[in-house]
Protein backbone atom coordinates (compact mmCIF):
# COMPACT_ATOMS: atom_id res chain seq x y z
CA UNK A 1 0.00 0.00 0.00
CA UNK A 2 2.88 2.31 0.93
CA UNK A 3 4.53 1.55 -2.39
CA UNK A 4 1.33 2.38 -4.37
CA UNK A 5 1.00 5.73 -2.60
CA UNK A 6 4.64 6.49 -3.39
CA UNK A 7 4.09 5.69 -7.09
CA UNK A 8 0.97 7.87 -7.24
CA UNK A 9 2.85 10.73 -5.61
CA UNK A 10 5.76 10.42 -8.05
CA UNK A 11 3.46 10.33 -11.10
CA UNK A 12 1.45 13.28 -9.77
CA UNK A 13 4.59 15.33 -9.27
CA UNK A 14 5.88 14.44 -12.73
CA UNK A 15 2.70 15.42 -14.53
CA UNK A 16 1.85 18.52 -12.53
CA UNK A 17 5.33 19.90 -12.22
CA UNK A 18 6.09 19.79 -15.96
CA UNK A 19 5.57 23.17 -17.52
CA UNK A 20 7.03 24.46 -20.77
CA UNK A 21 7.21 27.81 -22.48
CA UNK A 22 3.76 29.24 -23.19
CA UNK A 23 4.49 29.68 -26.92
CA UNK A 24 4.00 32.68 -29.16
CA UNK A 25 0.97 34.94 -28.88
CA UNK A 26 -1.69 34.19 -31.50
CA UNK A 27 -2.96 36.80 -33.95
CA UNK A 28 -5.44 39.38 -32.70
CA UNK A 29 -8.99 38.38 -33.54
CA UNK A 30 -11.61 40.77 -34.91
CA UNK A 31 -12.85 43.20 -32.28
CA UNK A 32 -16.53 43.89 -31.93
CA UNK A 33 -17.47 41.92 -35.05
CA UNK A 34 -21.04 40.74 -34.82
CA UNK A 35 -22.55 39.14 -37.88
CA UNK A 36 -26.19 40.10 -38.24
CA UNK A 37 -28.72 39.95 -40.97
CA UNK A 38 -29.77 42.86 -43.11
CA UNK A 39 -33.08 43.89 -44.56
CA UNK A 40 -34.69 46.25 -47.03
CA UNK A 41 -38.20 47.12 -48.18
CA UNK A 42 -39.59 48.14 -51.52
CA UNK A 43 -40.03 51.91 -51.47
CA UNK A 44 -42.47 51.94 -54.38
CA UNK A 45 -45.60 49.82 -53.86
CA UNK A 46 -45.86 46.70 -56.00
CA UNK A 47 -48.93 46.29 -58.19
CA UNK A 48 -49.60 42.75 -59.38
CA UNK A 49 -51.31 43.06 -62.78
CA UNK A 50 -51.58 41.09 -65.97
CA UNK A 51 -49.23 43.67 -67.54
CA UNK A 52 -46.33 42.55 -65.32
CA UNK A 53 -47.37 38.88 -65.26
CA UNK A 54 -48.50 39.24 -61.64
CA UNK A 55 -44.90 39.53 -60.50
CA UNK A 56 -42.30 42.16 -59.71
CA UNK A 57 -38.58 42.07 -59.05
CA UNK A 58 -36.69 43.86 -56.30
CA UNK A 59 -32.97 44.47 -56.64
CA UNK A 60 -30.89 43.51 -53.62
CA UNK A 61 -28.99 46.69 -52.62
CA UNK A 62 -25.26 46.68 -53.32
CA UNK A 63 -24.44 47.28 -49.65
CA UNK A 64 -25.94 43.88 -48.76
CA UNK A 65 -23.40 41.14 -49.35
CA UNK A 66 -25.27 37.93 -50.10
CA UNK A 67 -23.48 34.61 -49.73
CA UNK A 68 -24.66 31.31 -51.18
CA UNK A 69 -25.30 29.96 -47.68
CA UNK A 70 -27.40 32.95 -46.54
CA UNK A 71 -31.11 32.59 -45.90
CA UNK A 72 -33.35 35.04 -47.81
CA UNK A 73 -36.79 35.61 -46.31
CA UNK A 74 -39.59 37.77 -47.69
CA UNK A 75 -42.41 39.21 -45.59
CA UNK A 76 -45.58 40.94 -46.83
CA UNK A 77 -47.08 43.91 -44.99
CA UNK A 78 -50.59 42.71 -44.18
CA UNK A 79 -51.80 45.41 -41.79
CA UNK A 80 -50.88 48.30 -39.52
CA UNK A 81 -52.29 48.02 -35.99
CA UNK A 82 -51.90 50.90 -33.52
CA UNK A 83 -49.07 52.28 -35.65
CA UNK A 84 -47.16 48.97 -35.79
CA UNK A 85 -46.58 47.07 -39.03
CA UNK A 86 -47.87 43.50 -39.21
CA UNK A 87 -45.75 41.28 -41.51
CA UNK A 88 -46.40 37.74 -42.78
CA UNK A 89 -43.75 35.33 -44.10
CA UNK A 90 -43.96 34.15 -47.71
CA UNK A 91 -45.01 31.84 -49.19
CA UNK A 92 -48.45 32.84 -48.00
CA UNK A 93 -51.66 31.21 -49.18
CA UNK A 94 -54.67 33.52 -49.12
CA UNK A 95 -58.28 32.32 -49.12
CA UNK A 96 -60.70 34.88 -50.53
CA UNK A 97 -64.34 35.41 -49.59
CA UNK A 98 -65.54 33.78 -52.83
CA UNK A 99 -63.67 30.54 -52.03
CA UNK A 100 -60.70 31.15 -54.31
CA UNK A 101 -57.16 30.70 -53.13
CA UNK A 102 -53.85 32.03 -54.36
CA UNK A 103 -50.31 32.28 -53.06
CA UNK A 104 -47.74 35.03 -52.70
CA UNK A 105 -44.38 33.43 -53.38
CA UNK A 106 -40.82 34.43 -54.25
CA UNK A 107 -37.51 33.29 -55.63
CA UNK A 108 -34.10 34.92 -55.48
CA UNK A 109 -30.54 34.91 -56.76
CA UNK A 110 -27.51 37.03 -55.82
CA UNK A 111 -28.94 40.26 -57.23
CA UNK A 112 -32.71 39.97 -57.40
CA UNK A 113 -35.78 38.85 -55.49
CA UNK A 114 -38.83 38.12 -57.65
CA UNK A 115 -42.18 38.19 -55.85
CA UNK A 116 -45.19 36.75 -57.65
CA UNK A 117 -48.77 35.60 -57.33
CA UNK A 118 -49.74 32.09 -58.30
CA UNK A 119 -53.06 30.31 -58.33
CA UNK A 120 -54.85 27.41 -59.92
CA UNK A 121 -55.13 27.50 -63.73
CA UNK A 122 -58.85 28.21 -63.41
CA UNK A 123 -58.26 31.33 -61.27
CA UNK A 124 -58.00 34.60 -63.17
CA UNK A 125 -55.62 36.57 -60.93
CA UNK A 126 -56.85 39.85 -62.42
CA UNK A 127 -60.24 39.25 -60.77
CA UNK A 128 -58.72 39.28 -57.28
CA UNK A 129 -59.74 42.30 -55.19
CA UNK A 130 -57.34 45.24 -55.42
CA UNK A 131 -56.52 44.87 -51.72
CA UNK A 132 -54.57 41.70 -52.62
CA UNK A 133 -52.90 43.00 -55.78
CA UNK A 134 -52.37 46.77 -55.59
CA UNK A 135 -50.02 48.81 -53.35
CA UNK A 136 -48.27 45.83 -51.78
CA UNK A 137 -45.17 46.28 -49.61
CA UNK A 138 -42.57 43.61 -48.87
CA UNK A 139 -39.54 43.38 -46.63
CA UNK A 140 -36.61 41.19 -47.67
CA UNK A 141 -34.44 39.88 -44.83
CA UNK A 142 -31.03 38.31 -45.44
CA UNK A 143 -29.82 36.14 -42.55
CA UNK A 144 -26.43 34.45 -42.35
CA UNK A 145 -27.55 30.81 -42.19
CA UNK A 146 -24.96 29.76 -39.60
CA UNK A 147 -26.09 32.57 -37.31
CA UNK A 148 -29.77 31.87 -37.90
CA UNK A 149 -29.55 28.13 -37.25
CA UNK A 150 -27.35 28.54 -34.16
CA UNK A 151 -29.96 30.77 -32.48
CA UNK A 152 -33.02 28.70 -33.36
CA UNK A 153 -34.90 31.70 -34.74
CA UNK A 154 -38.60 31.19 -35.45
CA UNK A 155 -38.60 32.66 -38.96
CA UNK A 156 -42.42 32.73 -38.93
CA UNK A 157 -42.25 35.30 -36.12
CA UNK A 158 -41.26 38.53 -37.85
CA UNK A 159 -40.52 40.34 -34.56
CA UNK A 160 -38.12 37.60 -33.46
CA UNK A 161 -36.27 37.71 -36.78
CA UNK A 162 -35.98 41.50 -36.65
CA UNK A 163 -34.40 41.32 -33.16
CA UNK A 164 -31.42 39.65 -34.83
CA UNK A 165 -31.38 42.01 -37.82
CA UNK A 166 -31.58 45.38 -36.08
C-alpha atoms as a PDB file:
ATOM      1  CA  UNK A   1       0.000   0.000   0.000  1.00  0.00           C
ATOM      2  CA  UNK A   2       2.879   2.312   0.927  1.00  0.00           C
ATOM      3  CA  UNK A   3       4.528   1.552  -2.395  1.00  0.00           C
ATOM      4  CA  UNK A   4       1.327   2.378  -4.373  1.00  0.00           C
ATOM      5  CA  UNK A   5       0.996   5.728  -2.602  1.00  0.00           C
ATOM      6  CA  UNK A   6       4.636   6.488  -3.394  1.00  0.00           C
ATOM      7  CA  UNK A   7       4.085   5.691  -7.095  1.00  0.00           C
ATOM      8  CA  UNK A   8       0.971   7.870  -7.238  1.00  0.00           C
ATOM      9  CA  UNK A   9       2.851  10.733  -5.605  1.00  0.00           C
ATOM     10  CA  UNK A  10       5.764  10.416  -8.049  1.00  0.00           C
ATOM     11  CA  UNK A  11       3.462  10.328 -11.096  1.00  0.00           C
ATOM     12  CA  UNK A  12       1.447  13.278  -9.772  1.00  0.00           C
ATOM     13  CA  UNK A  13       4.595  15.330  -9.268  1.00  0.00           C
ATOM     14  CA  UNK A  14       5.877  14.440 -12.734  1.00  0.00           C
ATOM     15  CA  UNK A  15       2.697  15.425 -14.531  1.00  0.00           C
ATOM     16  CA  UNK A  16       1.847  18.522 -12.527  1.00  0.00           C
ATOM     17  CA  UNK A  17       5.334  19.899 -12.219  1.00  0.00           C
ATOM     18  CA  UNK A  18       6.092  19.789 -15.957  1.00  0.00           C
ATOM     19  CA  UNK A  19       5.571  23.168 -17.518  1.00  0.00           C
ATOM     20  CA  UNK A  20       7.026  24.463 -20.769  1.00  0.00           C
ATOM     21  CA  UNK A  21       7.213  27.806 -22.482  1.00  0.00           C
ATOM     22  CA  UNK A  22       3.760  29.244 -23.187  1.00  0.00           C
ATOM     23  CA  UNK A  23       4.490  29.676 -26.924  1.00  0.00           C
ATOM     24  CA  UNK A  24       4.001  32.677 -29.160  1.00  0.00           C
ATOM     25  CA  UNK A  25       0.971  34.945 -28.882  1.00  0.00           C
ATOM     26  CA  UNK A  26      -1.690  34.191 -31.496  1.00  0.00           C
ATOM     27  CA  UNK A  27      -2.958  36.802 -33.945  1.00  0.00           C
ATOM     28  CA  UNK A  28      -5.436  39.380 -32.697  1.00  0.00           C
ATOM     29  CA  UNK A  29      -8.994  38.381 -33.539  1.00  0.00           C
ATOM     30  CA  UNK A  30     -11.610  40.771 -34.915  1.00  0.00           C
ATOM     31  CA  UNK A  31     -12.854  43.199 -32.278  1.00  0.00           C
ATOM     32  CA  UNK A  32     -16.534  43.887 -31.934  1.00  0.00           C
ATOM     33  CA  UNK A  33     -17.472  41.923 -35.046  1.00  0.00           C
ATOM     34  CA  UNK A  34     -21.041  40.738 -34.822  1.00  0.00           C
ATOM     35  CA  UNK A  35     -22.551  39.145 -37.877  1.00  0.00           C
ATOM     36  CA  UNK A  36     -26.185  40.098 -38.235  1.00  0.00           C
ATOM     37  CA  UNK A  37     -28.718  39.948 -40.970  1.00  0.00           C
ATOM     38  CA  UNK A  38     -29.767  42.855 -43.105  1.00  0.00           C
ATOM     39  CA  UNK A  39     -33.080  43.886 -44.559  1.00  0.00           C
ATOM     40  CA  UNK A  40     -34.690  46.245 -47.032  1.00  0.00           C
ATOM     41  CA  UNK A  41     -38.197  47.125 -48.176  1.00  0.00           C
ATOM     42  CA  UNK A  42     -39.585  48.139 -51.519  1.00  0.00           C
ATOM     43  CA  UNK A  43     -40.034  51.912 -51.472  1.00  0.00           C
ATOM     44  CA  UNK A  44     -42.474  51.938 -54.381  1.00  0.00           C
ATOM     45  CA  UNK A  45     -45.598  49.822 -53.860  1.00  0.00           C
ATOM     46  CA  UNK A  46     -45.856  46.701 -55.999  1.00  0.00           C
ATOM     47  CA  UNK A  47     -48.929  46.291 -58.189  1.00  0.00           C
ATOM     48  CA  UNK A  48     -49.600  42.746 -59.382  1.00  0.00           C
ATOM     49  CA  UNK A  49     -51.309  43.058 -62.776  1.00  0.00           C
ATOM     50  CA  UNK A  50     -51.576  41.085 -65.974  1.00  0.00           C
ATOM     51  CA  UNK A  51     -49.230  43.666 -67.539  1.00  0.00           C
ATOM     52  CA  UNK A  52     -46.325  42.552 -65.324  1.00  0.00           C
ATOM     53  CA  UNK A  53     -47.365  38.885 -65.258  1.00  0.00           C
ATOM     54  CA  UNK A  54     -48.500  39.236 -61.642  1.00  0.00           C
ATOM     55  CA  UNK A  55     -44.900  39.532 -60.502  1.00  0.00           C
ATOM     56  CA  UNK A  56     -42.301  42.159 -59.712  1.00  0.00           C
ATOM     57  CA  UNK A  57     -38.576  42.072 -59.049  1.00  0.00           C
ATOM     58  CA  UNK A  58     -36.689  43.858 -56.298  1.00  0.00           C
ATOM     59  CA  UNK A  59     -32.970  44.467 -56.644  1.00  0.00           C
ATOM     60  CA  UNK A  60     -30.888  43.507 -53.621  1.00  0.00           C
ATOM     61  CA  UNK A  61     -28.991  46.687 -52.624  1.00  0.00           C
ATOM     62  CA  UNK A  62     -25.260  46.677 -53.325  1.00  0.00           C
ATOM     63  CA  UNK A  63     -24.442  47.280 -49.650  1.00  0.00           C
ATOM     64  CA  UNK A  64     -25.942  43.879 -48.758  1.00  0.00           C
ATOM     65  CA  UNK A  65     -23.404  41.136 -49.351  1.00  0.00           C
ATOM     66  CA  UNK A  66     -25.273  37.932 -50.103  1.00  0.00           C
ATOM     67  CA  UNK A  67     -23.481  34.605 -49.727  1.00  0.00           C
ATOM     68  CA  UNK A  68     -24.665  31.311 -51.177  1.00  0.00           C
ATOM     69  CA  UNK A  69     -25.301  29.956 -47.679  1.00  0.00           C
ATOM     70  CA  UNK A  70     -27.402  32.954 -46.539  1.00  0.00           C
ATOM     71  CA  UNK A  71     -31.113  32.592 -45.903  1.00  0.00           C
ATOM     72  CA  UNK A  72     -33.350  35.043 -47.807  1.00  0.00           C
ATOM     73  CA  UNK A  73     -36.791  35.606 -46.308  1.00  0.00           C
ATOM     74  CA  UNK A  74     -39.589  37.774 -47.689  1.00  0.00           C
ATOM     75  CA  UNK A  75     -42.412  39.211 -45.591  1.00  0.00           C
ATOM     76  CA  UNK A  76     -45.581  40.942 -46.826  1.00  0.00           C
ATOM     77  CA  UNK A  77     -47.082  43.906 -44.995  1.00  0.00           C
ATOM     78  CA  UNK A  78     -50.593  42.713 -44.178  1.00  0.00           C
ATOM     79  CA  UNK A  79     -51.801  45.414 -41.789  1.00  0.00           C
ATOM     80  CA  UNK A  80     -50.878  48.305 -39.521  1.00  0.00           C
ATOM     81  CA  UNK A  81     -52.294  48.016 -35.991  1.00  0.00           C
ATOM     82  CA  UNK A  82     -51.899  50.898 -33.521  1.00  0.00           C
ATOM     83  CA  UNK A  83     -49.071  52.281 -35.646  1.00  0.00           C
ATOM     84  CA  UNK A  84     -47.162  48.965 -35.790  1.00  0.00           C
ATOM     85  CA  UNK A  85     -46.584  47.067 -39.027  1.00  0.00           C
ATOM     86  CA  UNK A  86     -47.866  43.496 -39.209  1.00  0.00           C
ATOM     87  CA  UNK A  87     -45.752  41.284 -41.506  1.00  0.00           C
ATOM     88  CA  UNK A  88     -46.403  37.742 -42.783  1.00  0.00           C
ATOM     89  CA  UNK A  89     -43.751  35.326 -44.099  1.00  0.00           C
ATOM     90  CA  UNK A  90     -43.957  34.151 -47.707  1.00  0.00           C
ATOM     91  CA  UNK A  91     -45.008  31.841 -49.188  1.00  0.00           C
ATOM     92  CA  UNK A  92     -48.453  32.840 -48.003  1.00  0.00           C
ATOM     93  CA  UNK A  93     -51.662  31.211 -49.178  1.00  0.00           C
ATOM     94  CA  UNK A  94     -54.672  33.522 -49.121  1.00  0.00           C
ATOM     95  CA  UNK A  95     -58.281  32.324 -49.120  1.00  0.00           C
ATOM     96  CA  UNK A  96     -60.704  34.882 -50.527  1.00  0.00           C
ATOM     97  CA  UNK A  97     -64.343  35.415 -49.587  1.00  0.00           C
ATOM     98  CA  UNK A  98     -65.537  33.783 -52.829  1.00  0.00           C
ATOM     99  CA  UNK A  99     -63.672  30.537 -52.029  1.00  0.00           C
ATOM    100  CA  UNK A 100     -60.697  31.146 -54.314  1.00  0.00           C
ATOM    101  CA  UNK A 101     -57.159  30.703 -53.130  1.00  0.00           C
ATOM    102  CA  UNK A 102     -53.851  32.031 -54.358  1.00  0.00           C
ATOM    103  CA  UNK A 103     -50.306  32.278 -53.055  1.00  0.00           C
ATOM    104  CA  UNK A 104     -47.740  35.034 -52.700  1.00  0.00           C
ATOM    105  CA  UNK A 105     -44.376  33.428 -53.379  1.00  0.00           C
ATOM    106  CA  UNK A 106     -40.821  34.429 -54.246  1.00  0.00           C
ATOM    107  CA  UNK A 107     -37.506  33.285 -55.628  1.00  0.00           C
ATOM    108  CA  UNK A 108     -34.101  34.915 -55.476  1.00  0.00           C
ATOM    109  CA  UNK A 109     -30.540  34.914 -56.760  1.00  0.00           C
ATOM    110  CA  UNK A 110     -27.509  37.028 -55.822  1.00  0.00           C
ATOM    111  CA  UNK A 111     -28.938  40.261 -57.229  1.00  0.00           C
ATOM    112  CA  UNK A 112     -32.706  39.965 -57.403  1.00  0.00           C
ATOM    113  CA  UNK A 113     -35.781  38.850 -55.494  1.00  0.00           C
ATOM    114  CA  UNK A 114     -38.830  38.124 -57.646  1.00  0.00           C
ATOM    115  CA  UNK A 115     -42.176  38.187 -55.849  1.00  0.00           C
ATOM    116  CA  UNK A 116     -45.186  36.745 -57.645  1.00  0.00           C
ATOM    117  CA  UNK A 117     -48.774  35.596 -57.333  1.00  0.00           C
ATOM    118  CA  UNK A 118     -49.744  32.089 -58.300  1.00  0.00           C
ATOM    119  CA  UNK A 119     -53.063  30.310 -58.334  1.00  0.00           C
ATOM    120  CA  UNK A 120     -54.845  27.408 -59.921  1.00  0.00           C
ATOM    121  CA  UNK A 121     -55.129  27.505 -63.730  1.00  0.00           C
ATOM    122  CA  UNK A 122     -58.855  28.212 -63.405  1.00  0.00           C
ATOM    123  CA  UNK A 123     -58.258  31.330 -61.273  1.00  0.00           C
ATOM    124  CA  UNK A 124     -57.999  34.602 -63.169  1.00  0.00           C
ATOM    125  CA  UNK A 125     -55.621  36.568 -60.931  1.00  0.00           C
ATOM    126  CA  UNK A 126     -56.846  39.848 -62.422  1.00  0.00           C
ATOM    127  CA  UNK A 127     -60.239  39.250 -60.770  1.00  0.00           C
ATOM    128  CA  UNK A 128     -58.718  39.279 -57.278  1.00  0.00           C
ATOM    129  CA  UNK A 129     -59.741  42.300 -55.193  1.00  0.00           C
ATOM    130  CA  UNK A 130     -57.342  45.244 -55.420  1.00  0.00           C
ATOM    131  CA  UNK A 131     -56.518  44.872 -51.716  1.00  0.00           C
ATOM    132  CA  UNK A 132     -54.571  41.702 -52.617  1.00  0.00           C
ATOM    133  CA  UNK A 133     -52.895  43.003 -55.779  1.00  0.00           C
ATOM    134  CA  UNK A 134     -52.368  46.768 -55.588  1.00  0.00           C
ATOM    135  CA  UNK A 135     -50.024  48.807 -53.345  1.00  0.00           C
ATOM    136  CA  UNK A 136     -48.266  45.827 -51.775  1.00  0.00           C
ATOM    137  CA  UNK A 137     -45.167  46.276 -49.612  1.00  0.00           C
ATOM    138  CA  UNK A 138     -42.569  43.607 -48.869  1.00  0.00           C
ATOM    139  CA  UNK A 139     -39.535  43.380 -46.635  1.00  0.00           C
ATOM    140  CA  UNK A 140     -36.611  41.193 -47.668  1.00  0.00           C
ATOM    141  CA  UNK A 141     -34.444  39.884 -44.830  1.00  0.00           C
ATOM    142  CA  UNK A 142     -31.027  38.306 -45.443  1.00  0.00           C
ATOM    143  CA  UNK A 143     -29.818  36.140 -42.547  1.00  0.00           C
ATOM    144  CA  UNK A 144     -26.434  34.448 -42.350  1.00  0.00           C
ATOM    145  CA  UNK A 145     -27.555  30.815 -42.187  1.00  0.00           C
ATOM    146  CA  UNK A 146     -24.957  29.763 -39.597  1.00  0.00           C
ATOM    147  CA  UNK A 147     -26.091  32.565 -37.312  1.00  0.00           C
ATOM    148  CA  UNK A 148     -29.775  31.871 -37.898  1.00  0.00           C
ATOM    149  CA  UNK A 149     -29.551  28.131 -37.246  1.00  0.00           C
ATOM    150  CA  UNK A 150     -27.351  28.541 -34.164  1.00  0.00           C
ATOM    151  CA  UNK A 151     -29.956  30.774 -32.483  1.00  0.00           C
ATOM    152  CA  UNK A 152     -33.020  28.696 -33.362  1.00  0.00           C
ATOM    153  CA  UNK A 153     -34.897  31.697 -34.739  1.00  0.00           C
ATOM    154  CA  UNK A 154     -38.601  31.194 -35.448  1.00  0.00           C
ATOM    155  CA  UNK A 155     -38.604  32.657 -38.962  1.00  0.00           C
ATOM    156  CA  UNK A 156     -42.423  32.734 -38.928  1.00  0.00           C
ATOM    157  CA  UNK A 157     -42.246  35.297 -36.124  1.00  0.00           C
ATOM    158  CA  UNK A 158     -41.260  38.532 -37.852  1.00  0.00           C
ATOM    159  CA  UNK A 159     -40.523  40.343 -34.564  1.00  0.00           C
ATOM    160  CA  UNK A 160     -38.122  37.604 -33.458  1.00  0.00           C
ATOM    161  CA  UNK A 161     -36.273  37.714 -36.782  1.00  0.00           C
ATOM    162  CA  UNK A 162     -35.979  41.500 -36.647  1.00  0.00           C
ATOM    163  CA  UNK A 163     -34.399  41.315 -33.156  1.00  0.00           C
ATOM    164  CA  UNK A 164     -31.417  39.653 -34.833  1.00  0.00           C
ATOM    165  CA  UNK A 165     -31.382  42.007 -37.824  1.00  0.00           C
ATOM    166  CA  UNK A 166     -31.582  45.385 -36.077  1.00  0.00           C
END
